[in-house]
Amino acid sequence: MTTDLKPFALSDLSALKSAVSSALDGTVMIARFEGRYRRGSQGNGDGLFMAAILAAYFAVLDPVCLVLDLRDFDYEWGNTILKAINFFYEYGRDADEKDKAVVIVATGETRRSLDTLEQTIKSGKRIYCEGIEDAMSSAEEEARSYLA
């Protein structure tokens, strides 16, 4: 029996672009996502792509804080994005890990849309910032507090 195999890449799930880096001491992971998050259930692949990227890097880097850089990201609505913006609560293995902070850099319509979604979230720890410098400062403070 011959099986035809089709190559598959995580990037096949979404047109979003991603880049991940780590702070020098390894405590903070920075994930930048760019592009348009499709609306509603059409965006499920985008949310799953984001979560898969974060989970893969988290497994290798094991940071204590995550910065989501969404400055060049367009989001209107859809709840699968919760897997990314509430990453530690969604994927944490215990109560301590579920309480790690996700610092989100977003402005404009994306920020307003995330604020609307935020009203439905009852768990996890998220901090919103308008600039990457403020986000990194908040993330470093969260990491120090978590490790203390």
N, C-alpha and C. Protein backbone atom coordinates (compact mmCIF):
# COMPACT_ATOMS: atom_id res chain seq x y z
N MET A 1 0.84 -1.18 0.00
CA MET A 1 0.00 0.00 0.00
C MET A 1 0.89 1.25 0.00
N THR A 2 0.62 2.14 -0.91
CA THR A 2 1.38 3.37 -1.01
C THR A 2 0.52 4.51 -0.49
N THR A 3 1.12 5.29 0.37
CA THR A 3 0.42 6.45 0.92
C THR A 3 1.07 7.71 0.39
N ASP A 4 0.28 8.57 -0.18
CA ASP A 4 0.80 9.85 -0.63
C ASP A 4 0.85 10.79 0.57
N LEU A 5 2.02 11.30 0.84
CA LEU A 5 2.20 12.21 1.96
C LEU A 5 2.23 13.64 1.45
N LYS A 6 1.53 14.47 2.13
CA LYS A 6 1.51 15.89 1.78
C LYS A 6 2.29 16.64 2.84
N PRO A 7 3.33 17.36 2.45
CA PRO A 7 4.07 18.15 3.45
C PRO A 7 3.14 19.18 4.09
N PHE A 8 3.38 19.46 5.35
CA PHE A 8 2.56 20.40 6.09
C PHE A 8 3.45 21.25 6.98
N ALA A 9 3.14 22.52 7.07
CA ALA A 9 3.86 23.44 7.94
C ALA A 9 2.84 24.23 8.75
N LEU A 10 3.21 24.62 9.96
CA LEU A 10 2.29 25.42 10.78
C LEU A 10 1.84 26.68 10.04
N SER A 11 2.71 27.23 9.23
CA SER A 11 2.36 28.45 8.50
C SER A 11 1.23 28.21 7.50
N ASP A 12 0.91 26.94 7.20
CA ASP A 12 -0.22 26.65 6.31
C ASP A 12 -1.56 26.99 6.97
N LEU A 13 -1.58 27.10 8.29
CA LEU A 13 -2.82 27.39 9.01
C LEU A 13 -3.26 28.84 8.87
N SER A 14 -2.32 29.73 8.57
CA SER A 14 -2.61 31.15 8.67
C SER A 14 -1.71 31.97 7.75
N ALA A 15 -2.20 33.14 7.34
CA ALA A 15 -1.38 34.08 6.59
C ALA A 15 -0.60 35.01 7.52
N LEU A 16 -0.81 34.88 8.83
CA LEU A 16 -0.09 35.70 9.78
C LEU A 16 1.40 35.40 9.72
N LYS A 17 2.21 36.38 10.03
CA LYS A 17 3.66 36.22 10.13
C LYS A 17 4.03 36.29 11.61
N SER A 18 5.06 35.54 11.98
CA SER A 18 5.47 35.54 13.38
C SER A 18 6.99 35.61 13.49
N ALA A 19 7.44 36.15 14.60
CA ALA A 19 8.87 36.17 14.95
C ALA A 19 8.93 36.09 16.46
N VAL A 20 9.81 35.24 16.97
CA VAL A 20 9.93 35.05 18.42
C VAL A 20 11.37 35.29 18.83
N SER A 21 11.53 35.97 19.96
CA SER A 21 12.85 36.19 20.53
C SER A 21 12.75 36.08 22.04
N SER A 22 13.92 36.08 22.67
CA SER A 22 13.97 35.93 24.12
C SER A 22 14.85 37.01 24.70
N ALA A 23 14.50 37.49 25.88
CA ALA A 23 15.37 38.43 26.59
C ALA A 23 16.65 37.69 26.95
N LEU A 24 17.72 38.43 27.15
CA LEU A 24 19.04 37.82 27.37
C LEU A 24 19.08 36.82 28.51
N ASP A 25 18.32 37.07 29.57
CA ASP A 25 18.35 36.13 30.70
C ASP A 25 17.35 34.98 30.53
N GLY A 26 16.57 34.99 29.45
CA GLY A 26 15.66 33.90 29.15
C GLY A 26 14.34 33.91 29.89
N THR A 27 14.11 34.90 30.74
CA THR A 27 12.87 34.91 31.51
C THR A 27 11.68 35.44 30.74
N VAL A 28 11.93 36.25 29.69
CA VAL A 28 10.85 36.87 28.92
C VAL A 28 10.94 36.42 27.46
N MET A 29 9.82 35.94 26.94
CA MET A 29 9.72 35.58 25.53
C MET A 29 8.89 36.65 24.83
N ILE A 30 9.38 37.13 23.70
CA ILE A 30 8.68 38.15 22.93
C ILE A 30 8.22 37.52 21.62
N ALA A 31 6.92 37.56 21.37
CA ALA A 31 6.36 37.00 20.13
C ALA A 31 5.66 38.12 19.37
N ARG A 32 6.14 38.37 18.17
CA ARG A 32 5.55 39.40 17.33
C ARG A 32 4.70 38.73 16.26
N PHE A 33 3.45 39.17 16.14
CA PHE A 33 2.56 38.67 15.10
C PHE A 33 2.14 39.84 14.23
N GLU A 34 2.16 39.61 12.92
CA GLU A 34 1.79 40.65 11.95
C GLU A 34 0.76 40.09 10.98
N GLY A 35 -0.11 40.98 10.53
CA GLY A 35 -1.10 40.60 9.53
C GLY A 35 -2.52 40.75 10.05
N ARG A 36 -3.45 40.26 9.27
CA ARG A 36 -4.87 40.38 9.59
C ARG A 36 -5.40 39.06 10.12
N TYR A 37 -5.94 39.11 11.33
CA TYR A 37 -6.61 37.97 11.94
C TYR A 37 -8.01 37.92 11.34
N ARG A 38 -8.33 36.81 10.70
CA ARG A 38 -9.65 36.70 10.06
C ARG A 38 -10.77 36.76 11.10
N ARG A 39 -11.90 37.27 10.69
CA ARG A 39 -13.02 37.52 11.60
C ARG A 39 -13.75 36.24 11.99
N GLY A 40 -14.19 36.22 13.26
CA GLY A 40 -15.03 35.14 13.75
C GLY A 40 -14.40 33.76 13.60
N SER A 41 -15.21 32.78 13.25
CA SER A 41 -14.70 31.41 13.15
C SER A 41 -13.74 31.24 11.98
N GLN A 42 -13.75 32.15 11.01
CA GLN A 42 -12.75 32.10 9.94
C GLN A 42 -11.34 32.31 10.51
N GLY A 43 -11.25 32.94 11.66
CA GLY A 43 -9.96 33.20 12.30
C GLY A 43 -9.47 32.05 13.18
N ASN A 44 -10.22 30.97 13.26
CA ASN A 44 -9.79 29.85 14.12
C ASN A 44 -8.39 29.37 13.75
N GLY A 45 -8.09 29.24 12.47
CA GLY A 45 -6.75 28.84 12.05
C GLY A 45 -5.69 29.83 12.48
N ASP A 46 -6.03 31.12 12.46
CA ASP A 46 -5.08 32.15 12.90
C ASP A 46 -4.79 32.02 14.39
N GLY A 47 -5.85 31.84 15.18
CA GLY A 47 -5.67 31.68 16.63
C GLY A 47 -4.90 30.41 16.96
N LEU A 48 -5.19 29.33 16.24
CA LEU A 48 -4.46 28.08 16.47
C LEU A 48 -3.00 28.20 16.05
N PHE A 49 -2.75 28.90 14.96
CA PHE A 49 -1.37 29.15 14.52
C PHE A 49 -0.60 29.91 15.60
N MET A 50 -1.21 30.98 16.12
CA MET A 50 -0.56 31.77 17.16
C MET A 50 -0.25 30.90 18.38
N ALA A 51 -1.24 30.13 18.82
CA ALA A 51 -1.06 29.28 20.00
C ALA A 51 0.02 28.22 19.76
N ALA A 52 0.05 27.64 18.56
CA ALA A 52 1.05 26.61 18.26
C ALA A 52 2.45 27.19 18.26
N ILE A 53 2.62 28.36 17.69
CA ILE A 53 3.93 29.02 17.70
C ILE A 53 4.35 29.28 19.14
N LEU A 54 3.45 29.85 19.93
CA LEU A 54 3.78 30.15 21.33
C LEU A 54 4.11 28.88 22.11
N ALA A 55 3.33 27.83 21.92
CA ALA A 55 3.55 26.58 22.65
C ALA A 55 4.89 25.95 22.29
N ALA A 56 5.25 25.98 21.02
CA ALA A 56 6.51 25.39 20.58
C ALA A 56 7.70 26.12 21.22
N TYR A 57 7.68 27.44 21.14
CA TYR A 57 8.79 28.21 21.72
C TYR A 57 8.79 28.15 23.24
N PHE A 58 7.60 28.15 23.83
CA PHE A 58 7.51 28.03 25.29
C PHE A 58 8.15 26.73 25.77
N ALA A 59 7.90 25.65 25.05
CA ALA A 59 8.45 24.34 25.43
C ALA A 59 9.98 24.36 25.43
N VAL A 60 10.57 25.13 24.54
CA VAL A 60 12.03 25.19 24.44
C VAL A 60 12.62 26.25 25.40
N LEU A 61 11.99 27.42 25.46
CA LEU A 61 12.56 28.55 26.22
C LEU A 61 12.14 28.58 27.68
N ASP A 62 10.95 28.08 28.00
CA ASP A 62 10.40 28.07 29.35
C ASP A 62 10.48 29.44 30.04
N PRO A 63 9.93 30.48 29.40
CA PRO A 63 9.96 31.82 30.00
C PRO A 63 8.96 31.93 31.16
N VAL A 64 9.14 32.95 31.98
CA VAL A 64 8.19 33.19 33.06
C VAL A 64 7.23 34.34 32.71
N CYS A 65 7.47 34.99 31.57
CA CYS A 65 6.58 36.05 31.11
C CYS A 65 6.60 36.07 29.59
N LEU A 66 5.48 36.43 29.00
CA LEU A 66 5.33 36.49 27.56
C LEU A 66 4.91 37.90 27.16
N VAL A 67 5.58 38.44 26.14
CA VAL A 67 5.17 39.70 25.54
C VAL A 67 4.62 39.38 24.16
N LEU A 68 3.37 39.75 23.92
CA LEU A 68 2.76 39.62 22.59
C LEU A 68 2.82 40.98 21.92
N ASP A 69 3.62 41.10 20.89
CA ASP A 69 3.77 42.35 20.16
C ASP A 69 2.80 42.33 18.98
N LEU A 70 1.72 43.07 19.12
CA LEU A 70 0.66 43.11 18.10
C LEU A 70 0.57 44.49 17.45
N ARG A 71 1.69 45.18 17.36
CA ARG A 71 1.67 46.53 16.80
C ARG A 71 1.29 46.54 15.33
N ASP A 72 1.65 45.52 14.58
CA ASP A 72 1.32 45.44 13.15
C ASP A 72 0.34 44.30 12.91
N PHE A 73 -0.68 44.25 13.75
CA PHE A 73 -1.64 43.16 13.77
C PHE A 73 -3.03 43.77 13.70
N ASP A 74 -3.89 43.19 12.90
CA ASP A 74 -5.25 43.71 12.74
C ASP A 74 -6.24 42.65 13.21
N TYR A 75 -6.91 42.94 14.33
CA TYR A 75 -7.87 42.02 14.93
C TYR A 75 -9.18 42.75 15.18
N GLU A 76 -10.31 42.13 14.76
CA GLU A 76 -11.63 42.71 15.01
C GLU A 76 -12.42 41.87 16.00
N TRP A 77 -12.56 40.57 15.72
CA TRP A 77 -13.25 39.70 16.67
C TRP A 77 -13.02 38.24 16.30
N GLY A 78 -13.23 37.41 17.30
CA GLY A 78 -13.03 35.97 17.18
C GLY A 78 -12.39 35.49 18.48
N ASN A 79 -12.87 34.39 19.04
CA ASN A 79 -12.40 34.01 20.37
C ASN A 79 -11.24 33.02 20.40
N THR A 80 -10.83 32.46 19.27
CA THR A 80 -9.70 31.53 19.30
C THR A 80 -8.41 32.26 19.63
N ILE A 81 -8.37 33.55 19.47
CA ILE A 81 -7.20 34.34 19.85
C ILE A 81 -6.93 34.24 21.36
N LEU A 82 -7.95 33.83 22.12
CA LEU A 82 -7.78 33.65 23.57
C LEU A 82 -6.65 32.67 23.89
N LYS A 83 -6.42 31.70 23.03
CA LYS A 83 -5.35 30.74 23.25
C LYS A 83 -3.99 31.43 23.29
N ALA A 84 -3.87 32.57 22.64
CA ALA A 84 -2.63 33.34 22.66
C ALA A 84 -2.64 34.41 23.75
N ILE A 85 -3.68 35.22 23.81
CA ILE A 85 -3.66 36.33 24.77
C ILE A 85 -3.84 35.86 26.21
N ASN A 86 -4.30 34.66 26.39
CA ASN A 86 -4.44 34.08 27.72
C ASN A 86 -3.57 32.82 27.81
N PHE A 87 -2.40 32.87 27.15
CA PHE A 87 -1.57 31.70 26.91
C PHE A 87 -1.27 30.88 28.16
N PHE A 88 -0.76 31.50 29.19
CA PHE A 88 -0.35 30.72 30.36
C PHE A 88 -1.55 30.06 31.05
N TYR A 89 -2.68 30.76 31.09
CA TYR A 89 -3.86 30.14 31.69
C TYR A 89 -4.34 28.96 30.84
N GLU A 90 -4.28 29.12 29.53
CA GLU A 90 -4.73 28.06 28.62
C GLU A 90 -3.81 26.84 28.65
N TYR A 91 -2.51 27.06 28.78
CA TYR A 91 -1.54 25.97 28.63
C TYR A 91 -0.75 25.65 29.89
N GLY A 92 -0.94 26.41 30.94
CA GLY A 92 -0.20 26.16 32.18
C GLY A 92 -0.50 24.80 32.77
N ARG A 93 0.52 24.21 33.40
CA ARG A 93 0.37 22.87 33.95
C ARG A 93 -0.14 22.87 35.39
N ASP A 94 0.04 23.99 36.09
CA ASP A 94 -0.43 24.06 37.47
C ASP A 94 -0.85 25.50 37.77
N ALA A 95 -1.40 25.73 38.95
CA ALA A 95 -1.93 27.05 39.30
C ALA A 95 -0.86 28.13 39.23
N ASP A 96 0.36 27.79 39.66
CA ASP A 96 1.45 28.76 39.64
C ASP A 96 1.77 29.18 38.21
N GLU A 97 1.87 28.21 37.32
CA GLU A 97 2.20 28.51 35.93
C GLU A 97 1.05 29.21 35.22
N LYS A 98 -0.18 28.88 35.56
CA LYS A 98 -1.34 29.52 34.94
C LYS A 98 -1.42 31.01 35.28
N ASP A 99 -0.73 31.42 36.35
CA ASP A 99 -0.79 32.81 36.79
C ASP A 99 0.34 33.67 36.23
N LYS A 100 1.18 33.12 35.35
CA LYS A 100 2.22 33.93 34.71
C LYS A 100 1.55 34.98 33.82
N ALA A 101 2.22 36.12 33.68
CA ALA A 101 1.63 37.24 32.95
C ALA A 101 1.92 37.21 31.45
N VAL A 102 0.91 37.62 30.69
CA VAL A 102 1.06 37.89 29.26
C VAL A 102 0.92 39.41 29.11
N VAL A 103 1.97 40.04 28.59
CA VAL A 103 1.97 41.48 28.36
C VAL A 103 1.68 41.70 26.88
N ILE A 104 0.65 42.47 26.59
CA ILE A 104 0.18 42.63 25.21
C ILE A 104 0.37 44.06 24.76
N VAL A 105 1.07 44.23 23.63
CA VAL A 105 1.26 45.54 23.02
C VAL A 105 0.29 45.64 21.85
N ALA A 106 -0.71 46.52 21.99
CA ALA A 106 -1.71 46.69 20.94
C ALA A 106 -2.25 48.11 21.01
N THR A 107 -2.61 48.65 19.84
CA THR A 107 -3.15 50.00 19.76
C THR A 107 -4.33 50.01 18.79
N GLY A 108 -4.99 51.15 18.71
CA GLY A 108 -6.04 51.37 17.72
C GLY A 108 -7.19 50.38 17.82
N GLU A 109 -7.69 49.99 16.65
CA GLU A 109 -8.84 49.10 16.58
C GLU A 109 -8.55 47.74 17.19
N THR A 110 -7.33 47.25 17.03
CA THR A 110 -6.97 45.97 17.63
C THR A 110 -7.11 46.04 19.14
N ARG A 111 -6.62 47.09 19.74
CA ARG A 111 -6.72 47.25 21.20
C ARG A 111 -8.17 47.36 21.63
N ARG A 112 -8.96 48.14 20.91
CA ARG A 112 -10.38 48.28 21.26
C ARG A 112 -11.09 46.93 21.16
N SER A 113 -10.79 46.17 20.15
CA SER A 113 -11.42 44.86 19.99
C SER A 113 -10.98 43.89 21.08
N LEU A 114 -9.71 43.93 21.45
CA LEU A 114 -9.22 43.09 22.55
C LEU A 114 -9.85 43.51 23.87
N ASP A 115 -10.05 44.81 24.06
CA ASP A 115 -10.73 45.29 25.28
C ASP A 115 -12.15 44.73 25.37
N THR A 116 -12.85 44.66 24.24
CA THR A 116 -14.20 44.08 24.22
C THR A 116 -14.15 42.61 24.59
N LEU A 117 -13.20 41.89 24.03
CA LEU A 117 -13.03 40.47 24.34
C LEU A 117 -12.65 40.28 25.81
N GLU A 118 -11.85 41.18 26.33
CA GLU A 118 -11.38 41.10 27.71
C GLU A 118 -12.55 41.04 28.70
N GLN A 119 -13.67 41.64 28.37
CA GLN A 119 -14.83 41.64 29.26
C GLN A 119 -15.39 40.25 29.50
N THR A 120 -15.09 39.30 28.61
CA THR A 120 -15.60 37.94 28.76
C THR A 120 -14.61 37.00 29.44
N ILE A 121 -13.38 37.44 29.67
CA ILE A 121 -12.34 36.58 30.24
C ILE A 121 -12.37 36.70 31.76
N LYS A 122 -12.46 35.58 32.42
CA LYS A 122 -12.56 35.59 33.88
C LYS A 122 -11.32 35.01 34.55
N SER A 123 -10.27 34.70 33.79
CA SER A 123 -9.10 34.03 34.36
C SER A 123 -7.83 34.48 33.65
N GLY A 124 -6.70 34.14 34.22
CA GLY A 124 -5.42 34.49 33.61
C GLY A 124 -5.00 35.90 33.96
N LYS A 125 -3.75 36.22 33.61
CA LYS A 125 -3.20 37.53 33.94
C LYS A 125 -2.65 38.18 32.67
N ARG A 126 -3.24 39.31 32.28
CA ARG A 126 -2.83 40.05 31.11
C ARG A 126 -2.59 41.51 31.48
N ILE A 127 -1.57 42.08 30.87
CA ILE A 127 -1.25 43.49 31.06
C ILE A 127 -1.18 44.11 29.67
N TYR A 128 -1.88 45.22 29.45
CA TYR A 128 -1.89 45.88 28.15
C TYR A 128 -0.99 47.10 28.17
N CYS A 129 -0.20 47.25 27.11
CA CYS A 129 0.70 48.39 26.95
C CYS A 129 0.55 48.93 25.53
N GLU A 130 0.90 50.20 25.36
CA GLU A 130 0.81 50.79 24.02
C GLU A 130 2.13 50.81 23.29
N GLY A 131 3.24 50.59 24.00
CA GLY A 131 4.56 50.60 23.36
C GLY A 131 5.40 49.43 23.83
N ILE A 132 6.37 49.06 23.01
CA ILE A 132 7.20 47.91 23.33
C ILE A 132 8.12 48.18 24.53
N GLU A 133 8.56 49.42 24.71
CA GLU A 133 9.42 49.73 25.85
C GLU A 133 8.67 49.53 27.16
N ASP A 134 7.44 50.04 27.23
CA ASP A 134 6.62 49.85 28.43
C ASP A 134 6.33 48.36 28.65
N ALA A 135 6.09 47.65 27.57
CA ALA A 135 5.80 46.21 27.67
C ALA A 135 7.01 45.46 28.22
N MET A 136 8.20 45.77 27.73
CA MET A 136 9.40 45.09 28.22
C MET A 136 9.66 45.42 29.68
N SER A 137 9.43 46.65 30.06
CA SER A 137 9.60 47.05 31.46
C SER A 137 8.61 46.28 32.35
N SER A 138 7.35 46.21 31.92
CA SER A 138 6.34 45.46 32.68
C SER A 138 6.69 43.98 32.75
N ALA A 139 7.16 43.43 31.64
CA ALA A 139 7.51 42.01 31.60
C ALA A 139 8.68 41.70 32.52
N GLU A 140 9.69 42.55 32.51
CA GLU A 140 10.84 42.34 33.40
C GLU A 140 10.42 42.42 34.86
N GLU A 141 9.52 43.36 35.18
CA GLU A 141 9.01 43.48 36.55
C GLU A 141 8.21 42.23 36.93
N GLU A 142 7.36 41.76 36.02
CA GLU A 142 6.59 40.54 36.28
C GLU A 142 7.49 39.34 36.48
N ALA A 143 8.54 39.23 35.68
CA ALA A 143 9.48 38.11 35.78
C ALA A 143 10.20 38.14 37.13
N ARG A 144 10.67 39.33 37.52
CA ARG A 144 11.34 39.46 38.83
C ARG A 144 10.40 39.07 39.96
N SER A 145 9.17 39.54 39.90
CA SER A 145 8.19 39.24 40.93
C SER A 145 7.89 37.74 40.98
N TYR A 146 7.75 37.12 39.82
CA TYR A 146 7.44 35.70 39.75
C TYR A 146 8.59 34.86 40.33
N LEU A 147 9.80 35.26 40.06
CA LEU A 147 10.97 34.50 40.49
C LEU A 147 11.35 34.77 41.95
N ALA A 148 10.79 35.83 42.54
CA ALA A 148 11.15 36.18 43.93
C ALA A 148 10.60 35.19 44.94
